[in-house]
Amino acid sequence: MRPHTRARDGLTLIEVILATALLTALAIALLATTRQPSDRVKEQAYQLRVEQLEVLCQQYLADHGQWPSADLSELEAARYLGESLPVSPVDQQPFVLNRSTGEIEVHRHP
């Protein structure tokens, strides 16, 4: 006579571990792909802000015959900005004007 086999009612420990590992790997991959666009958006916002500030500095030069201060406080005082002094959306550091070139100094991002 054959021994009677019992029907399996649940999952084995190995199946549970494999399912958990697979779901963890998928979650990590999903988080990595959703994080990258936000970094790209911040970088694009940074570049646009730099271009905007350089144009405002050129307008200030045309109006006043000199570059604004390196910390851009004169742009704020003369109401060229319409808001308080901006900071980098990437690293929250203030923008700085290179008065010899008229360009906003680019922050080095980690």
PDB file of N, CA and C in Angstrom:
ATOM      1  N   MET A   1       0.790  -1.164   0.000  1.00  0.00           N
ATOM      2  CA  MET A   1       0.000   0.000   0.000  1.00  0.00           C
ATOM      3  C   MET A   1       0.856   1.262   0.000  1.00  0.00           C
ATOM      4  N   ARG A   2       0.397   2.287  -0.696  1.00  0.00           N
ATOM      5  CA  ARG A   2       1.134   3.555  -0.770  1.00  0.00           C
ATOM      6  C   ARG A   2       0.804   4.418   0.420  1.00  0.00           C
ATOM      7  N   PRO A   3       1.827   5.134   0.894  1.00  0.00           N
ATOM      8  CA  PRO A   3       1.521   6.048   1.988  1.00  0.00           C
ATOM      9  C   PRO A   3       0.655   7.200   1.477  1.00  0.00           C
ATOM     10  N   HIS A   4      -0.237   7.617   2.285  1.00  0.00           N
ATOM     11  CA  HIS A   4      -1.145   8.701   1.918  1.00  0.00           C
ATOM     12  C   HIS A   4      -0.407  10.044   2.036  1.00  0.00           C
ATOM     13  N   THR A   5      -0.372  10.818   0.943  1.00  0.00           N
ATOM     14  CA  THR A   5       0.282  12.130   0.993  1.00  0.00           C
ATOM     15  C   THR A   5      -0.748  13.192   1.326  1.00  0.00           C
ATOM     16  N   ARG A   6      -0.298  14.128   2.085  1.00  0.00           N
ATOM     17  CA  ARG A   6      -1.183  15.190   2.521  1.00  0.00           C
ATOM     18  C   ARG A   6      -1.089  16.368   1.556  1.00  0.00           C
ATOM     19  N   ALA A   7      -2.170  17.006   1.262  1.00  0.00           N
ATOM     20  CA  ALA A   7      -2.164  18.179   0.379  1.00  0.00           C
ATOM     21  C   ALA A   7      -1.429  19.324   1.063  1.00  0.00           C
ATOM     22  N   ARG A   8      -0.687  20.086   0.250  1.00  0.00           N
ATOM     23  CA  ARG A   8       0.061  21.232   0.768  1.00  0.00           C
ATOM     24  C   ARG A   8      -0.872  22.405   0.997  1.00  0.00           C
ATOM     25  N   ASP A   9      -0.868  22.952   2.173  1.00  0.00           N
ATOM     26  CA  ASP A   9      -1.766  24.052   2.490  1.00  0.00           C
ATOM     27  C   ASP A   9      -1.091  25.423   2.431  1.00  0.00           C
ATOM     28  N   GLY A  10       0.210  25.522   2.546  1.00  0.00           N
ATOM     29  CA  GLY A  10       0.868  26.822   2.630  1.00  0.00           C
ATOM     30  C   GLY A  10       2.139  26.872   1.800  1.00  0.00           C
ATOM     31  N   LEU A  11       2.901  27.917   2.020  1.00  0.00           N
ATOM     32  CA  LEU A  11       4.167  28.115   1.324  1.00  0.00           C
ATOM     33  C   LEU A  11       5.313  27.645   2.203  1.00  0.00           C
ATOM     34  N   THR A  12       6.362  27.193   1.534  1.00  0.00           N
ATOM     35  CA  THR A  12       7.550  26.807   2.289  1.00  0.00           C
ATOM     36  C   THR A  12       8.339  28.059   2.648  1.00  0.00           C
ATOM     37  N   LEU A  13       9.242  27.919   3.570  1.00  0.00           N
ATOM     38  CA  LEU A  13      10.074  29.048   3.987  1.00  0.00           C
ATOM     39  C   LEU A  13      10.895  29.575   2.821  1.00  0.00           C
ATOM     40  N   ILE A  14      11.407  28.681   1.990  1.00  0.00           N
ATOM     41  CA  ILE A  14      12.205  29.092   0.822  1.00  0.00           C
ATOM     42  C   ILE A  14      11.357  29.934  -0.127  1.00  0.00           C
ATOM     43  N   GLU A  15      10.119  29.561  -0.365  1.00  0.00           N
ATOM     44  CA  GLU A  15       9.256  30.325  -1.261  1.00  0.00           C
ATOM     45  C   GLU A  15       8.986  31.720  -0.703  1.00  0.00           C
ATOM     46  N   VAL A  16       8.784  31.822   0.578  1.00  0.00           N
ATOM     47  CA  VAL A  16       8.549  33.121   1.204  1.00  0.00           C
ATOM     48  C   VAL A  16       9.796  34.001   1.094  1.00  0.00           C
ATOM     49  N   ILE A  17      10.964  33.432   1.343  1.00  0.00           N
ATOM     50  CA  ILE A  17      12.220  34.193   1.250  1.00  0.00           C
ATOM     51  C   ILE A  17      12.453  34.664  -0.179  1.00  0.00           C
ATOM     52  N   LEU A  18      12.241  33.801  -1.162  1.00  0.00           N
ATOM     53  CA  LEU A  18      12.439  34.183  -2.563  1.00  0.00           C
ATOM     54  C   LEU A  18      11.460  35.279  -2.987  1.00  0.00           C
ATOM     55  N   ALA A  19      10.216  35.170  -2.578  1.00  0.00           N
ATOM     56  CA  ALA A  19       9.227  36.198  -2.919  1.00  0.00           C
ATOM     57  C   ALA A  19       9.596  37.536  -2.283  1.00  0.00           C
ATOM     58  N   THR A  20      10.045  37.515  -1.040  1.00  0.00           N
ATOM     59  CA  THR A  20      10.450  38.745  -0.361  1.00  0.00           C
ATOM     60  C   THR A  20      11.669  39.371  -1.040  1.00  0.00           C
ATOM     61  N   ALA A  21      12.626  38.552  -1.415  1.00  0.00           N
ATOM     62  CA  ALA A  21      13.823  39.061  -2.099  1.00  0.00           C
ATOM     63  C   ALA A  21      13.459  39.670  -3.443  1.00  0.00           C
ATOM     64  N   LEU A  22      12.573  39.046  -4.181  1.00  0.00           N
ATOM     65  CA  LEU A  22      12.151  39.559  -5.483  1.00  0.00           C
ATOM     66  C   LEU A  22      11.418  40.889  -5.324  1.00  0.00           C
ATOM     67  N   LEU A  23      10.516  40.978  -4.385  1.00  0.00           N
ATOM     68  CA  LEU A  23       9.787  42.228  -4.156  1.00  0.00           C
ATOM     69  C   LEU A  23      10.710  43.345  -3.678  1.00  0.00           C
ATOM     70  N   THR A  24      11.698  43.002  -2.869  1.00  0.00           N
ATOM     71  CA  THR A  24      12.669  43.999  -2.415  1.00  0.00           C
ATOM     72  C   THR A  24      13.486  44.530  -3.584  1.00  0.00           C
ATOM     73  N   ALA A  25      13.938  43.648  -4.459  1.00  0.00           N
ATOM     74  CA  ALA A  25      14.712  44.062  -5.631  1.00  0.00           C
ATOM     75  C   ALA A  25      13.878  44.960  -6.533  1.00  0.00           C
ATOM     76  N   LEU A  26      12.625  44.639  -6.737  1.00  0.00           N
ATOM     77  CA  LEU A  26      11.747  45.473  -7.561  1.00  0.00           C
ATOM     78  C   LEU A  26      11.521  46.841  -6.923  1.00  0.00           C
ATOM     79  N   ALA A  27      11.356  46.887  -5.615  1.00  0.00           N
ATOM     80  CA  ALA A  27      11.158  48.156  -4.930  1.00  0.00           C
ATOM     81  C   ALA A  27      12.398  49.047  -5.038  1.00  0.00           C
ATOM     82  N   ILE A  28      13.565  48.463  -4.909  1.00  0.00           N
ATOM     83  CA  ILE A  28      14.810  49.233  -5.033  1.00  0.00           C
ATOM     84  C   ILE A  28      14.960  49.780  -6.441  1.00  0.00           C
ATOM     85  N   ALA A  29      14.673  48.964  -7.444  1.00  0.00           N
ATOM     86  CA  ALA A  29      14.766  49.416  -8.833  1.00  0.00           C
ATOM     87  C   ALA A  29      13.777  50.548  -9.099  1.00  0.00           C
ATOM     88  N   LEU A  30      12.591  50.435  -8.575  1.00  0.00           N
ATOM     89  CA  LEU A  30      11.583  51.465  -8.763  1.00  0.00           C
ATOM     90  C   LEU A  30      11.997  52.777  -8.103  1.00  0.00           C
ATOM     91  N   LEU A  31      12.530  52.704  -6.903  1.00  0.00           N
ATOM     92  CA  LEU A  31      12.988  53.914  -6.216  1.00  0.00           C
ATOM     93  C   LEU A  31      14.141  54.584  -6.953  1.00  0.00           C
ATOM     94  N   ALA A  32      15.039  53.790  -7.501  1.00  0.00           N
ATOM     95  CA  ALA A  32      16.181  54.351  -8.235  1.00  0.00           C
ATOM     96  C   ALA A  32      15.716  55.084  -9.489  1.00  0.00           C
ATOM     97  N   THR A  33      14.744  54.550 -10.184  1.00  0.00           N
ATOM     98  CA  THR A  33      14.288  55.207 -11.415  1.00  0.00           C
ATOM     99  C   THR A  33      13.441  56.436 -11.129  1.00  0.00           C
ATOM    100  N   THR A  34      12.712  56.461 -10.037  1.00  0.00           N
ATOM    101  CA  THR A  34      11.913  57.648  -9.736  1.00  0.00           C
ATOM    102  C   THR A  34      12.752  58.757  -9.133  1.00  0.00           C
ATOM    103  N   ARG A  35      13.892  58.468  -8.590  1.00  0.00           N
ATOM    104  CA  ARG A  35      14.768  59.486  -7.999  1.00  0.00           C
ATOM    105  C   ARG A  35      15.528  60.252  -9.068  1.00  0.00           C
ATOM    106  N   GLN A  36      15.932  59.627 -10.133  1.00  0.00           N
ATOM    107  CA  GLN A  36      16.729  60.283 -11.161  1.00  0.00           C
ATOM    108  C   GLN A  36      16.032  61.475 -11.808  1.00  0.00           C
ATOM    109  N   PRO A  37      14.761  61.375 -12.180  1.00  0.00           N
ATOM    110  CA  PRO A  37      14.134  62.548 -12.793  1.00  0.00           C
ATOM    111  C   PRO A  37      14.128  63.765 -11.887  1.00  0.00           C
ATOM    112  N   SER A  38      13.963  63.603 -10.583  1.00  0.00           N
ATOM    113  CA  SER A  38      13.947  64.771  -9.715  1.00  0.00           C
ATOM    114  C   SER A  38      15.318  65.452  -9.700  1.00  0.00           C
ATOM    115  N   ASP A  39      16.386  64.673  -9.780  1.00  0.00           N
ATOM    116  CA  ASP A  39      17.717  65.263  -9.869  1.00  0.00           C
ATOM    117  C   ASP A  39      17.883  66.027 -11.180  1.00  0.00           C
ATOM    118  N   ARG A  40      17.349  65.463 -12.256  1.00  0.00           N
ATOM    119  CA  ARG A  40      17.415  66.156 -13.559  1.00  0.00           C
ATOM    120  C   ARG A  40      16.614  67.440 -13.520  1.00  0.00           C
ATOM    121  N   VAL A  41      15.457  67.407 -12.913  1.00  0.00           N
ATOM    122  CA  VAL A  41      14.616  68.600 -12.823  1.00  0.00           C
ATOM    123  C   VAL A  41      15.326  69.685 -12.026  1.00  0.00           C
ATOM    124  N   LYS A  42      15.955  69.311 -10.925  1.00  0.00           N
ATOM    125  CA  LYS A  42      16.703  70.292 -10.128  1.00  0.00           C
ATOM    126  C   LYS A  42      17.843  70.892 -10.940  1.00  0.00           C
ATOM    127  N   GLU A  43      18.546  70.078 -11.683  1.00  0.00           N
ATOM    128  CA  GLU A  43      19.657  70.578 -12.499  1.00  0.00           C
ATOM    129  C   GLU A  43      19.158  71.531 -13.583  1.00  0.00           C
ATOM    130  N   GLN A  44      18.031  71.200 -14.212  1.00  0.00           N
ATOM    131  CA  GLN A  44      17.464  72.089 -15.229  1.00  0.00           C
ATOM    132  C   GLN A  44      17.006  73.400 -14.607  1.00  0.00           C
ATOM    133  N   ALA A  45      16.390  73.331 -13.427  1.00  0.00           N
ATOM    134  CA  ALA A  45      15.968  74.547 -12.733  1.00  0.00           C
ATOM    135  C   ALA A  45      17.180  75.401 -12.382  1.00  0.00           C
ATOM    136  N   TYR A  46      18.259  74.751 -11.989  1.00  0.00           N
ATOM    137  CA  TYR A  46      19.496  75.464 -11.664  1.00  0.00           C
ATOM    138  C   TYR A  46      20.027  76.207 -12.895  1.00  0.00           C
ATOM    139  N   GLN A  47      20.089  75.508 -14.028  1.00  0.00           N
ATOM    140  CA  GLN A  47      20.610  76.126 -15.253  1.00  0.00           C
ATOM    141  C   GLN A  47      19.734  77.299 -15.692  1.00  0.00           C
ATOM    142  N   LEU A  48      18.421  77.140 -15.611  1.00  0.00           N
ATOM    143  CA  LEU A  48      17.523  78.232 -15.974  1.00  0.00           C
ATOM    144  C   LEU A  48      17.698  79.432 -15.052  1.00  0.00           C
ATOM    145  N   ARG A  49      17.867  79.185 -13.760  1.00  0.00           N
ATOM    146  CA  ARG A  49      18.058  80.277 -12.810  1.00  0.00           C
ATOM    147  C   ARG A  49      19.366  81.016 -13.086  1.00  0.00           C
ATOM    148  N   VAL A  50      20.427  80.269 -13.427  1.00  0.00           N
ATOM    149  CA  VAL A  50      21.708  80.899 -13.760  1.00  0.00           C
ATOM    150  C   VAL A  50      21.540  81.808 -14.979  1.00  0.00           C
ATOM    151  N   GLU A  51      20.881  81.305 -16.004  1.00  0.00           N
ATOM    152  CA  GLU A  51      20.673  82.120 -17.209  1.00  0.00           C
ATOM    153  C   GLU A  51      19.852  83.367 -16.893  1.00  0.00           C
ATOM    154  N   GLN A  52      18.802  83.225 -16.084  1.00  0.00           N
ATOM    155  CA  GLN A  52      17.972  84.357 -15.718  1.00  0.00           C
ATOM    156  C   GLN A  52      18.784  85.401 -14.949  1.00  0.00           C
ATOM    157  N   LEU A  53      19.584  84.955 -14.003  1.00  0.00           N
ATOM    158  CA  LEU A  53      20.388  85.891 -13.218  1.00  0.00           C
ATOM    159  C   LEU A  53      21.425  86.602 -14.071  1.00  0.00           C
ATOM    160  N   GLU A  54      22.015  85.897 -15.030  1.00  0.00           N
ATOM    161  CA  GLU A  54      22.993  86.544 -15.912  1.00  0.00           C
ATOM    162  C   GLU A  54      22.338  87.629 -16.763  1.00  0.00           C
ATOM    163  N   VAL A  55      21.125  87.387 -17.240  1.00  0.00           N
ATOM    164  CA  VAL A  55      20.402  88.397 -18.014  1.00  0.00           C
ATOM    165  C   VAL A  55      20.078  89.601 -17.131  1.00  0.00           C
ATOM    166  N   LEU A  56      19.632  89.358 -15.901  1.00  0.00           N
ATOM    167  CA  LEU A  56      19.340  90.458 -14.980  1.00  0.00           C
ATOM    168  C   LEU A  56      20.589  91.266 -14.656  1.00  0.00           C
ATOM    169  N   CYS A  57      21.726  90.584 -14.521  1.00  0.00           N
ATOM    170  CA  CYS A  57      22.990  91.293 -14.269  1.00  0.00           C
ATOM    171  C   CYS A  57      23.376  92.153 -15.461  1.00  0.00           C
ATOM    172  N   GLN A  58      23.135  91.665 -16.662  1.00  0.00           N
ATOM    173  CA  GLN A  58      23.425  92.459 -17.862  1.00  0.00           C
ATOM    174  C   GLN A  58      22.502  93.678 -17.948  1.00  0.00           C
ATOM    175  N   GLN A  59      21.235  93.503 -17.553  1.00  0.00           N
ATOM    176  CA  GLN A  59      20.317  94.641 -17.515  1.00  0.00           C
ATOM    177  C   GLN A  59      20.784  95.672 -16.488  1.00  0.00           C
ATOM    178  N   TYR A  60      21.228  95.193 -15.342  1.00  0.00           N
ATOM    179  CA  TYR A  60      21.733  96.090 -14.297  1.00  0.00           C
ATOM    180  C   TYR A  60      22.944  96.864 -14.823  1.00  0.00           C
ATOM    181  N   LEU A  61      23.843  96.163 -15.499  1.00  0.00           N
ATOM    182  CA  LEU A  61      25.025  96.820 -16.079  1.00  0.00           C
ATOM    183  C   LEU A  61      24.607  97.905 -17.073  1.00  0.00           C
ATOM    184  N   ALA A  62      23.647  97.603 -17.922  1.00  0.00           N
ATOM    185  CA  ALA A  62      23.187  98.583 -18.905  1.00  0.00           C
ATOM    186  C   ALA A  62      22.536  99.789 -18.230  1.00  0.00           C
ATOM    187  N   ASP A  63      21.816  99.560 -17.148  1.00  0.00           N
ATOM    188  CA  ASP A  63      21.125 100.650 -16.454  1.00  0.00           C
ATOM    189  C   ASP A  63      22.041 101.482 -15.571  1.00  0.00           C
ATOM    190  N   HIS A  64      23.045 100.851 -14.936  1.00  0.00           N
ATOM    191  CA  HIS A  64      23.856 101.528 -13.922  1.00  0.00           C
ATOM    192  C   HIS A  64      25.319 101.707 -14.302  1.00  0.00           C
ATOM    193  N   GLY A  65      25.761 101.120 -15.390  1.00  0.00           N
ATOM    194  CA  GLY A  65      27.140 101.284 -15.829  1.00  0.00           C
ATOM    195  C   GLY A  65      28.152 100.449 -15.073  1.00  0.00           C
ATOM    196  N   GLN A  66      27.698  99.561 -14.229  1.00  0.00           N
ATOM    197  CA  GLN A  66      28.591  98.658 -13.490  1.00  0.00           C
ATOM    198  C   GLN A  66      27.829  97.386 -13.139  1.00  0.00           C
ATOM    199  N   TRP A  67      28.607  96.351 -12.859  1.00  0.00           N
ATOM    200  CA  TRP A  67      27.986  95.086 -12.461  1.00  0.00           C
ATOM    201  C   TRP A  67      27.433  95.216 -11.057  1.00  0.00           C
ATOM    202  N   PRO A  68      26.394  94.461 -10.728  1.00  0.00           N
ATOM    203  CA  PRO A  68      25.936  94.446  -9.338  1.00  0.00           C
ATOM    204  C   PRO A  68      26.981  93.760  -8.458  1.00  0.00           C
ATOM    205  N   SER A  69      26.794  93.847  -7.164  1.00  0.00           N
ATOM    206  CA  SER A  69      27.742  93.216  -6.243  1.00  0.00           C
ATOM    207  C   SER A  69      27.773  91.711  -6.475  1.00  0.00           C
ATOM    208  N   ALA A  70      28.859  91.101  -6.060  1.00  0.00           N
ATOM    209  CA  ALA A  70      29.046  89.661  -6.288  1.00  0.00           C
ATOM    210  C   ALA A  70      27.974  88.833  -5.608  1.00  0.00           C
ATOM    211  N   ASP A  71      27.442  89.302  -4.487  1.00  0.00           N
ATOM    212  CA  ASP A  71      26.407  88.531  -3.790  1.00  0.00           C
ATOM    213  C   ASP A  71      24.996  88.820  -4.322  1.00  0.00           C
ATOM    214  N   LEU A  72      24.915  89.666  -5.355  1.00  0.00           N
ATOM    215  CA  LEU A  72      23.666  89.998  -6.048  1.00  0.00           C
ATOM    216  C   LEU A  72      22.682  90.792  -5.192  1.00  0.00           C
ATOM    217  N   SER A  73      23.119  91.294  -4.056  1.00  0.00           N
ATOM    218  CA  SER A  73      22.207  92.037  -3.189  1.00  0.00           C
ATOM    219  C   SER A  73      21.695  93.311  -3.855  1.00  0.00           C
ATOM    220  N   GLU A  74      22.486  93.901  -4.748  1.00  0.00           N
ATOM    221  CA  GLU A  74      22.038  95.108  -5.448  1.00  0.00           C
ATOM    222  C   GLU A  74      20.884  94.806  -6.406  1.00  0.00           C
ATOM    223  N   LEU A  75      20.844  93.587  -6.944  1.00  0.00           N
ATOM    224  CA  LEU A  75      19.703  93.201  -7.786  1.00  0.00           C
ATOM    225  C   LEU A  75      18.428  93.180  -6.959  1.00  0.00           C
ATOM    226  N   GLU A  76      18.544  92.680  -5.750  1.00  0.00           N
ATOM    227  CA  GLU A  76      17.387  92.618  -4.866  1.00  0.00           C
ATOM    228  C   GLU A  76      16.971  94.028  -4.448  1.00  0.00           C
ATOM    229  N   ALA A  77      17.948  94.864  -4.073  1.00  0.00           N
ATOM    230  CA  ALA A  77      17.646  96.220  -3.612  1.00  0.00           C
ATOM    231  C   ALA A  77      17.017  97.060  -4.729  1.00  0.00           C
ATOM    232  N   ALA A  78      17.461  96.860  -5.955  1.00  0.00           N
ATOM    233  CA  ALA A  78      16.937  97.625  -7.088  1.00  0.00           C
ATOM    234  C   ALA A  78      15.674  96.981  -7.672  1.00  0.00           C
ATOM    235  N   ARG A  79      15.200  95.944  -7.030  1.00  0.00           N
ATOM    236  CA  ARG A  79      13.967  95.243  -7.410  1.00  0.00           C
ATOM    237  C   ARG A  79      14.005  94.639  -8.814  1.00  0.00           C
ATOM    238  N   TYR A  80      15.164  94.143  -9.203  1.00  0.00           N
ATOM    239  CA  TYR A  80      15.266  93.419 -10.471  1.00  0.00           C
ATOM    240  C   TYR A  80      14.721  92.001 -10.334  1.00  0.00           C
ATOM    241  N   LEU A  81      14.722  91.482  -9.141  1.00  0.00           N
ATOM    242  CA  LEU A  81      14.335  90.091  -8.932  1.00  0.00           C
ATOM    243  C   LEU A  81      12.841  89.906  -8.692  1.00  0.00           C
ATOM    244  N   GLY A  82      12.204  90.837  -8.025  1.00  0.00           N
ATOM    245  CA  GLY A  82      10.807  90.677  -7.678  1.00  0.00           C
ATOM    246  C   GLY A  82      10.594  89.700  -6.526  1.00  0.00           C
ATOM    247  N   GLU A  83      11.663  89.266  -5.930  1.00  0.00           N
ATOM    248  CA  GLU A  83      11.613  88.320  -4.806  1.00  0.00           C
ATOM    249  C   GLU A  83      12.921  88.437  -4.049  1.00  0.00           C
ATOM    250  N   SER A  84      13.065  87.662  -3.011  1.00  0.00           N
ATOM    251  CA  SER A  84      14.330  87.676  -2.271  1.00  0.00           C
ATOM    252  C   SER A  84      15.403  86.979  -3.102  1.00  0.00           C
ATOM    253  N   LEU A  85      16.634  87.113  -2.663  1.00  0.00           N
ATOM    254  CA  LEU A  85      17.749  86.507  -3.393  1.00  0.00           C
ATOM    255  C   LEU A  85      17.554  85.002  -3.538  1.00  0.00           C
ATOM    256  N   PRO A  86      17.670  84.498  -4.751  1.00  0.00           N
ATOM    257  CA  PRO A  86      17.479  83.054  -4.944  1.00  0.00           C
ATOM    258  C   PRO A  86      18.688  82.259  -4.492  1.00  0.00           C
ATOM    259  N   VAL A  87      18.439  80.998  -4.191  1.00  0.00           N
ATOM    260  CA  VAL A  87      19.505  80.053  -3.885  1.00  0.00           C
ATOM    261  C   VAL A  87      19.405  78.905  -4.872  1.00  0.00           C
ATOM    262  N   SER A  88      20.477  78.176  -4.996  1.00  0.00           N
ATOM    263  CA  SER A  88      20.514  77.048  -5.910  1.00  0.00           C
ATOM    264  C   SER A  88      19.494  75.989  -5.509  1.00  0.00           C
ATOM    265  N   PRO A  89      18.671  75.522  -6.455  1.00  0.00           N
ATOM    266  CA  PRO A  89      17.726  74.444  -6.128  1.00  0.00           C
ATOM    267  C   PRO A  89      18.416  73.104  -5.903  1.00  0.00           C
ATOM    268  N   VAL A  90      19.681  73.019  -6.289  1.00  0.00           N
ATOM    269  CA  VAL A  90      20.411  71.763  -6.153  1.00  0.00           C
ATOM    270  C   VAL A  90      21.026  71.626  -4.765  1.00  0.00           C
ATOM    271  N   ASP A  91      21.744  72.675  -4.319  1.00  0.00           N
ATOM    272  CA  ASP A  91      22.460  72.557  -3.048  1.00  0.00           C
ATOM    273  C   ASP A  91      22.135  73.673  -2.048  1.00  0.00           C
ATOM    274  N   GLN A  92      21.161  74.504  -2.356  1.00  0.00           N
ATOM    275  CA  GLN A  92      20.698  75.579  -1.477  1.00  0.00           C
ATOM    276  C   GLN A  92      21.773  76.619  -1.157  1.00  0.00           C
ATOM    277  N   GLN A  93      22.801  76.717  -1.986  1.00  0.00           N
ATOM    278  CA  GLN A  93      23.856  77.711  -1.807  1.00  0.00           C
ATOM    279  C   GLN A  93      23.485  78.980  -2.573  1.00  0.00           C
ATOM    280  N   PRO A  94      23.903  80.159  -2.091  1.00  0.00           N
ATOM    281  CA  PRO A  94      23.592  81.397  -2.816  1.00  0.00           C
ATOM    282  C   PRO A  94      24.379  81.470  -4.123  1.00  0.00           C
ATOM    283  N   PHE A  95      23.796  82.159  -5.090  1.00  0.00           N
ATOM    284  CA  PHE A  95      24.493  82.385  -6.354  1.00  0.00           C
ATOM    285  C   PHE A  95      25.501  83.517  -6.174  1.00  0.00           C
ATOM    286  N   VAL A  96      26.596  83.459  -6.926  1.00  0.00           N
ATOM    287  CA  VAL A  96      27.652  84.464  -6.831  1.00  0.00           C
ATOM    288  C   VAL A  96      28.005  84.921  -8.239  1.00  0.00           C
ATOM    289  N   LEU A  97      28.103  86.237  -8.414  1.00  0.00           N
ATOM    290  CA  LEU A  97      28.452  86.828  -9.700  1.00  0.00           C
ATOM    291  C   LEU A  97      29.962  87.027  -9.794  1.00  0.00           C
ATOM    292  N   ASN A  98      30.552  86.572 -10.888  1.00  0.00           N
ATOM    293  CA  ASN A  98      31.943  86.871 -11.188  1.00  0.00           C
ATOM    294  C   ASN A  98      31.931  88.226 -11.883  1.00  0.00           C
ATOM    295  N   ARG A  99      32.343  89.259 -11.181  1.00  0.00           N
ATOM    296  CA  ARG A  99      32.227  90.624 -11.707  1.00  0.00           C
ATOM    297  C   ARG A  99      33.171  90.908 -12.866  1.00  0.00           C
ATOM    298  N   SER A 100      34.187  90.101 -13.067  1.00  0.00           N
ATOM    299  CA  SER A 100      35.091  90.349 -14.207  1.00  0.00           C
ATOM    300  C   SER A 100      34.523  89.773 -15.505  1.00  0.00           C
ATOM    301  N   THR A 101      33.696  88.733 -15.407  1.00  0.00           N
ATOM    302  CA  THR A 101      33.133  88.122 -16.623  1.00  0.00           C
ATOM    303  C   THR A 101      31.631  88.357 -16.766  1.00  0.00           C
ATOM    304  N   GLY A 102      30.963  88.708 -15.667  1.00  0.00           N
ATOM    305  CA  GLY A 102      29.514  88.888 -15.709  1.00  0.00           C
ATOM    306  C   GLY A 102      28.749  87.580 -15.687  1.00  0.00           C
ATOM    307  N   GLU A 103      29.431  86.517 -15.324  1.00  0.00           N
ATOM    308  CA  GLU A 103      28.785  85.205 -15.293  1.00  0.00           C
ATOM    309  C   GLU A 103      28.544  84.772 -13.856  1.00  0.00           C
ATOM    310  N   ILE A 104      27.472  84.016 -13.682  1.00  0.00           N
ATOM    311  CA  ILE A 104      27.192  83.425 -12.375  1.00  0.00           C
ATOM    312  C   ILE A 104      28.116  82.231 -12.214  1.00  0.00           C
ATOM    313  N   GLU A 105      28.789  82.187 -11.083  1.00  0.00           N
ATOM    314  CA  GLU A 105      29.708  81.062 -10.843  1.00  0.00           C
ATOM    315  C   GLU A 105      28.907  79.792 -10.605  1.00  0.00           C
ATOM    316  N   VAL A 106      29.294  78.753 -11.284  1.00  0.00           N
ATOM    317  CA  VAL A 106      28.586  77.477 -11.232  1.00  0.00           C
ATOM    318  C   VAL A 106      29.060  76.692 -10.022  1.00  0.00           C
ATOM    319  N   HIS A 107      28.109  76.191  -9.257  1.00  0.00           N
ATOM    320  CA  HIS A 107      28.438  75.347  -8.106  1.00  0.00           C
ATOM    321  C   HIS A 107      28.832  73.963  -8.606  1.00  0.00           C
ATOM    322  N   ARG A 108      29.733  73.378  -7.931  1.00  0.00           N
ATOM    323  CA  ARG A 108      30.116  71.986  -8.239  1.00  0.00           C
ATOM    324  C   ARG A 108      29.223  71.071  -7.434  1.00  0.00           C
ATOM    325  N   HIS A 109      28.503  70.207  -8.119  1.00  0.00           N
ATOM    326  CA  HIS A 109      27.552  69.321  -7.451  1.00  0.00           C
ATOM    327  C   HIS A 109      28.219  68.002  -7.114  1.00  0.00           C
ATOM    328  N   PRO A 110      27.875  67.465  -5.938  1.00  0.00           N
ATOM    329  CA  PRO A 110      28.465  66.183  -5.547  1.00  0.00           C
ATOM    330  C   PRO A 110      27.978  65.047  -6.418  1.00  0.00           C
TER     331      PRO A 110
END
